[in-house]
Each structure stands twice: as C-alpha cells, then as structure tokens.
Amino acid sequence: MSIILSLETSTHVCSVALHADGTLLASAVTYREQSHASKLAVLIDQVLQLADVTMAQLSAVAVSSGPGSYTGLRIGTSTAKGLCYALNIPLIGVGALDSLAWAAGPFNTLQALLCPMIDARRMEVYCQLLDAQYGIVGPVEAKVIDTESFREALEAGPVLFFGNGAAKCQGVIQHKNAFFLADVHPTADTVGKLAWEKFQRNGTEDLVTFEPFYLKEFMIKTPVKQEVAAEANKTV
C-alpha cells in the first residue's frame, strides 16, 4: 500500500490530505489568510493522527507546484522537500490549476470549457482553459482581464470560470456563455488524487532542482518613505 501526504498552499486556503492507493484517509484545512507558516505543520500532525499513520509509513509527499501565492508556494515546497529529504521518499508536484479544475469538474453540468483562475492581484489572474475531460485547450498564463477576455472561447460555447480569481472577473466578463462557480478552491484532497496517478507512472520530481512554477517574477515593493529617501540621496 502506497501512502501519500499532500500539501496545498497555492492560495489563501491551506490544506493537507492523506491518501492510501488513491483513497482519502484524512484531510484538514484552514481558510485563514496568511496562516500557512503557522498552521501547515499542525495540519500535517492532525491528518497523521486521524488516519493513525506515522511519518515512517509515508511513500511520497505531494505538493501544489503553482502558480499561485509566492509565499504560500515557498512554504509548501520547503516543507515537502524537507520531509522528503528526511524520510528519503520521492516528491510529486501537482499543478494548482489542474487541482482546481478537478475540484470543479463534478459541478460542470453544462460540459463547458473549464477555466480555473487564481488571483494574481489587481485585474490579473493565473488561468488556463481545459475541456470537460480536463484536456488542455490553452496554456497556463498570467492574464489581465478585460471585456474581451476569452471572447473566442465564449463565442464557441459555454465557459465555466471558478477559483479565487474568478469573482473579480464576473463583473467584467459578461458574455451569455460565461458561467461562474463560487467557493471552489484547489485542495490537498484533489492534489492527492492527481499525485497518486503520477506516482503510478513514476512521475516524481528531482528534489535538488524542483522549484514552484511562479509564472511571473515576485515583485518586492519598496515603501514610499524609502523611495523618497532614496531619491533625496541621489540629489545630494
């Protein structure tokens, strides 16, 4: 029996799950913003205790590989890699948009194109188009949303938008074929299901080189006071 511990930290939701041969044993989740650093280890302990499983029994650790929150992905990846190094077990990366699409799939009664969206601040989202069977229709991209976004796909048929980036797009994308699904998040439950499929195909990661898929550079903002001081120093 193969037991996989899964971590999902790509959005504000932090979740952990434990699967045995693809069957869910236990899961735990917190919806608190910026709680990943303080809660991830606690959630891991919870699911292990609930399932009466020890660290030594783990066959692999799966982690959301992004795109998503820079800080969340760093915390999830460093935790997963640390466990894999310590236990000498493989790491499995699962795309956050894939996980999100599979979470929404059961609600896709229209057999529409699936468009998972993860918030990337302002009117930008990380997104991808997939068909109703999760086949890739378009690339993963960081997309600034306007009234013309997804026009070609929407003219061809229904598109289902969901994820924490979709709500802010609902007032902008108003085509008759645009449908929105609320309260769908990438979860460790779904990461674990997809990880089990990859594990059977030996789809593991290189522990040394694996890094999250950030999609775009992390921007560090300089406080306004520091910017003013820097400009003053230039003129001296």
Protein backbone atom coordinates (compact mmCIF):
# COMPACT_ATOMS: atom_id res chain seq x y z
CA MET A 1 0.00 0.00 0.00
CA SER A 2 1.31 3.43 -1.01
CA ILE A 3 0.51 6.31 1.35
CA ILE A 4 0.88 9.86 0.02
CA LEU A 5 0.83 13.03 2.12
CA SER A 6 -0.42 16.01 0.08
CA LEU A 7 0.02 19.74 0.74
CA GLU A 8 -1.89 22.58 -0.96
CA THR A 9 -0.71 26.12 -0.22
CA SER A 10 -1.07 27.97 -3.54
CA THR A 11 -3.91 30.28 -2.35
CA HIS A 12 -5.18 31.66 0.97
CA VAL A 13 -6.53 28.17 1.70
CA CYS A 14 -4.04 25.85 3.40
CA SER A 15 -4.91 22.16 3.31
CA VAL A 16 -3.34 18.75 3.93
CA ALA A 17 -4.59 15.29 2.96
CA LEU A 18 -3.52 11.69 3.30
CA HIS A 19 -4.33 9.04 0.68
CA ALA A 20 -3.68 5.30 0.54
CA ASP A 21 -3.59 3.98 -3.03
CA GLY A 22 -5.66 6.98 -4.09
CA THR A 23 -8.30 6.60 -1.37
CA LEU A 24 -8.70 9.51 1.04
CA LEU A 25 -7.82 8.60 4.64
CA ALA A 26 -7.97 12.02 6.27
CA SER A 27 -7.83 15.73 5.45
CA ALA A 28 -7.61 19.05 7.26
CA VAL A 29 -7.97 22.63 6.06
CA THR A 30 -7.82 26.22 7.28
CA TYR A 31 -9.22 29.24 5.44
CA ARG A 32 -7.33 31.85 7.45
CA GLU A 33 -5.31 34.34 5.42
CA GLN A 34 -1.51 34.20 5.86
CA SER A 35 -1.71 31.17 8.16
CA HIS A 36 0.41 28.74 6.13
CA ALA A 37 3.62 29.19 8.12
CA SER A 38 1.92 28.66 11.47
CA LYS A 39 -0.71 26.08 10.52
CA LEU A 40 0.83 23.74 7.91
CA ALA A 41 2.79 21.60 10.40
CA VAL A 42 -0.25 21.50 12.70
CA LEU A 43 -2.48 20.25 9.86
CA ILE A 44 0.07 17.59 8.93
CA ASP A 45 0.08 16.28 12.50
CA GLN A 46 -3.73 16.29 12.52
CA VAL A 47 -4.17 14.14 9.42
CA LEU A 48 -1.49 11.67 10.51
CA GLN A 49 -3.21 11.26 13.88
CA LEU A 50 -6.67 10.98 12.33
CA ALA A 51 -5.51 8.22 10.00
CA ASP A 52 -3.29 6.57 12.62
CA VAL A 53 -0.34 6.79 10.24
CA THR A 54 3.29 7.57 11.13
CA MET A 55 5.81 9.56 9.09
CA ALA A 56 7.79 6.36 8.55
CA GLN A 57 4.82 4.86 6.66
CA LEU A 58 4.72 7.59 4.01
CA SER A 59 5.59 6.53 0.46
CA ALA A 60 5.76 10.05 -1.01
CA VAL A 61 4.87 13.68 -0.40
CA ALA A 62 2.87 15.66 -2.96
CA VAL A 63 2.78 19.43 -3.15
CA SER A 64 0.99 22.04 -5.22
CA SER A 65 3.58 23.30 -7.71
CA GLY A 66 1.80 26.54 -8.63
CA PRO A 67 1.12 29.03 -9.98
CA GLY A 68 -0.26 30.95 -7.04
CA SER A 69 0.80 32.81 -3.93
CA TYR A 70 4.59 33.23 -3.89
CA THR A 71 4.83 32.92 -0.11
CA GLY A 72 2.36 30.04 0.07
CA LEU A 73 4.18 28.07 -2.61
CA ARG A 74 7.55 28.63 -0.91
CA ILE A 75 6.21 27.38 2.42
CA GLY A 76 4.57 24.32 0.88
CA THR A 77 7.59 23.41 -1.22
CA SER A 78 10.16 23.84 1.55
CA THR A 79 8.04 21.74 3.92
CA ALA A 80 7.50 18.99 1.33
CA LYS A 81 11.17 18.87 0.33
CA GLY A 82 12.27 18.79 3.96
CA LEU A 83 10.04 15.80 4.65
CA CYS A 84 11.23 14.00 1.52
CA TYR A 85 14.89 14.54 2.41
CA ALA A 86 14.38 13.41 6.00
CA LEU A 87 12.36 10.31 5.08
CA ASN A 88 14.21 9.51 1.84
CA ILE A 89 10.97 9.37 -0.17
CA PRO A 90 10.01 10.95 -3.52
CA LEU A 91 8.35 14.30 -4.15
CA ILE A 92 5.39 14.72 -6.51
CA GLY A 93 4.42 18.11 -7.93
CA VAL A 94 0.82 18.81 -8.95
CA GLY A 95 -0.26 21.95 -10.81
CA ALA A 96 -2.57 24.23 -8.82
CA LEU A 97 -4.79 24.93 -11.83
CA ASP A 98 -5.08 21.19 -12.53
CA SER A 99 -6.12 20.60 -8.93
CA LEU A 100 -8.62 23.46 -9.13
CA ALA A 101 -10.10 22.13 -12.38
CA TRP A 102 -10.60 18.66 -10.92
CA ALA A 103 -12.27 20.18 -7.86
CA ALA A 104 -14.78 21.98 -10.11
CA GLY A 105 -15.32 19.11 -12.56
CA PRO A 106 -18.24 17.46 -10.73
CA PHE A 107 -20.19 20.73 -10.93
CA ASN A 108 -19.71 21.12 -14.70
CA THR A 109 -23.20 20.02 -15.68
CA LEU A 110 -23.03 22.05 -18.91
CA GLN A 111 -19.95 20.16 -20.10
CA ALA A 112 -18.44 23.62 -20.58
CA LEU A 113 -14.82 24.55 -21.05
CA LEU A 114 -13.19 24.84 -17.64
CA CYS A 115 -11.30 27.99 -16.71
CA PRO A 116 -9.64 27.79 -13.29
CA MET A 117 -8.49 31.21 -12.06
CA ILE A 118 -6.11 32.02 -9.22
CA ASP A 119 -5.89 35.64 -8.08
CA ALA A 120 -2.70 37.40 -9.19
CA ARG A 121 -3.68 40.85 -7.80
CA ARG A 122 -5.47 43.78 -9.41
CA MET A 123 -7.29 42.53 -12.54
CA GLU A 124 -4.74 39.82 -13.31
CA VAL A 125 -5.27 36.09 -12.83
CA TYR A 126 -3.33 32.89 -13.37
CA CYS A 127 -5.55 30.78 -15.59
CA GLN A 128 -5.86 28.03 -18.18
CA LEU A 129 -8.56 26.64 -20.44
CA LEU A 130 -9.37 22.93 -20.29
CA ASP A 131 -12.14 20.86 -21.84
CA ALA A 132 -14.74 18.99 -19.78
CA GLN A 133 -12.46 15.93 -19.66
CA TYR A 134 -9.55 18.07 -18.32
CA GLY A 135 -7.72 18.07 -21.63
CA ILE A 136 -5.56 21.15 -22.22
CA VAL A 137 -7.13 23.72 -24.55
CA GLY A 138 -4.86 26.68 -23.80
CA PRO A 139 -1.58 27.37 -21.98
CA VAL A 140 -1.17 28.39 -18.36
CA GLU A 141 -0.87 32.17 -18.38
CA ALA A 142 -0.94 35.32 -16.29
CA LYS A 143 -3.81 37.23 -17.89
CA VAL A 144 -5.11 40.76 -17.34
CA ILE A 145 -8.89 40.52 -17.58
CA ASP A 146 -10.96 42.93 -19.67
CA THR A 147 -14.27 42.81 -21.55
CA GLU A 148 -12.68 40.99 -24.50
CA SER A 149 -11.01 38.24 -22.46
CA PHE A 150 -11.84 34.70 -23.66
CA ARG A 151 -14.03 36.15 -26.42
CA GLU A 152 -13.18 33.41 -28.95
CA ALA A 153 -13.85 30.58 -26.49
CA LEU A 154 -17.11 32.19 -25.32
CA GLU A 155 -18.39 32.64 -28.86
CA ALA A 156 -17.81 28.92 -29.43
CA GLY A 157 -19.74 27.73 -26.36
CA PRO A 158 -20.11 27.87 -22.55
CA VAL A 159 -17.11 28.51 -20.32
CA LEU A 160 -17.16 27.86 -16.57
CA PHE A 161 -14.99 30.26 -14.52
CA PHE A 162 -14.04 29.44 -10.92
CA GLY A 163 -11.34 29.86 -8.29
CA ASN A 164 -10.41 32.82 -6.10
CA GLY A 165 -9.61 34.90 -9.17
CA ALA A 166 -13.00 34.41 -10.82
CA ALA A 167 -15.15 36.60 -8.54
CA LYS A 168 -13.46 39.83 -9.56
CA CYS A 169 -13.89 38.89 -13.23
CA GLN A 170 -17.64 38.31 -13.05
CA GLY A 171 -18.48 41.97 -13.47
CA VAL A 172 -16.14 42.28 -16.46
CA ILE A 173 -16.77 39.08 -18.42
CA GLN A 174 -20.49 39.34 -19.13
CA HIS A 175 -20.94 37.18 -22.22
CA LYS A 176 -24.07 35.00 -22.31
CA ASN A 177 -21.87 31.88 -22.37
CA ALA A 178 -19.86 32.89 -19.28
CA PHE A 179 -20.81 30.98 -16.14
CA PHE A 180 -19.27 31.42 -12.69
CA LEU A 181 -18.92 28.88 -9.90
CA ALA A 182 -18.33 30.20 -6.36
CA ASP A 183 -16.35 28.77 -3.45
CA VAL A 184 -14.13 26.35 -5.39
CA HIS A 185 -10.52 26.13 -4.22
CA PRO A 186 -7.56 23.90 -5.01
CA THR A 187 -7.39 21.38 -2.15
CA ALA A 188 -4.99 18.75 -0.89
CA ASP A 189 -7.74 16.15 -1.43
CA THR A 190 -7.54 16.73 -5.18
CA VAL A 191 -3.75 17.09 -5.14
CA GLY A 192 -3.59 13.64 -3.57
CA LYS A 193 -5.80 12.06 -6.24
CA LEU A 194 -3.71 13.53 -9.06
CA ALA A 195 -0.47 12.69 -7.22
CA TRP A 196 -1.49 9.03 -6.97
CA GLU A 197 -1.90 8.89 -10.76
CA LYS A 198 1.55 10.45 -11.24
CA PHE A 199 3.09 8.17 -8.62
CA GLN A 200 1.93 5.09 -10.54
CA ARG A 201 3.70 6.48 -13.64
CA ASN A 202 6.86 7.28 -11.64
CA GLY A 203 6.12 10.96 -12.20
CA THR A 204 8.29 12.22 -9.35
CA GLU A 205 10.43 15.36 -9.09
CA ASP A 206 14.14 15.93 -8.69
CA LEU A 207 14.48 17.02 -5.06
CA VAL A 208 17.52 19.16 -5.77
CA THR A 209 16.19 21.15 -8.72
CA PHE A 210 12.44 21.27 -8.05
CA GLU A 211 11.02 24.77 -7.66
CA PRO A 212 7.42 26.01 -7.72
CA PHE A 213 6.02 27.34 -11.01
CA TYR A 214 5.66 31.02 -10.16
CA LEU A 215 4.78 32.04 -13.75
CA LYS A 216 5.97 35.59 -13.15
CA GLU A 217 8.65 37.29 -11.11
CA PHE A 218 7.92 38.07 -7.47
CA MET A 219 7.82 41.87 -7.09
CA ILE A 220 9.09 43.35 -3.83
CA LYS A 221 7.55 46.78 -3.25
CA THR A 222 9.67 49.48 -1.71
CA PRO A 223 7.84 51.51 0.98
CA VAL A 224 7.07 55.06 -0.12
CA LYS A 225 9.24 56.60 2.62
CA GLN A 226 12.22 54.54 1.47
CA GLU A 227 11.63 55.61 -2.16
CA VAL A 228 11.58 59.27 -1.11
CA ALA A 229 14.76 58.85 0.92
CA ALA A 230 16.46 57.09 -1.99
CA GLU A 231 15.57 59.94 -4.37
CA ALA A 232 16.83 62.50 -1.83
CA ASN A 233 20.16 60.67 -1.58
CA LYS A 234 20.53 60.72 -5.36
CA THR A 235 20.27 64.52 -5.42
CA VAL A 236 22.81 65.08 -2.64
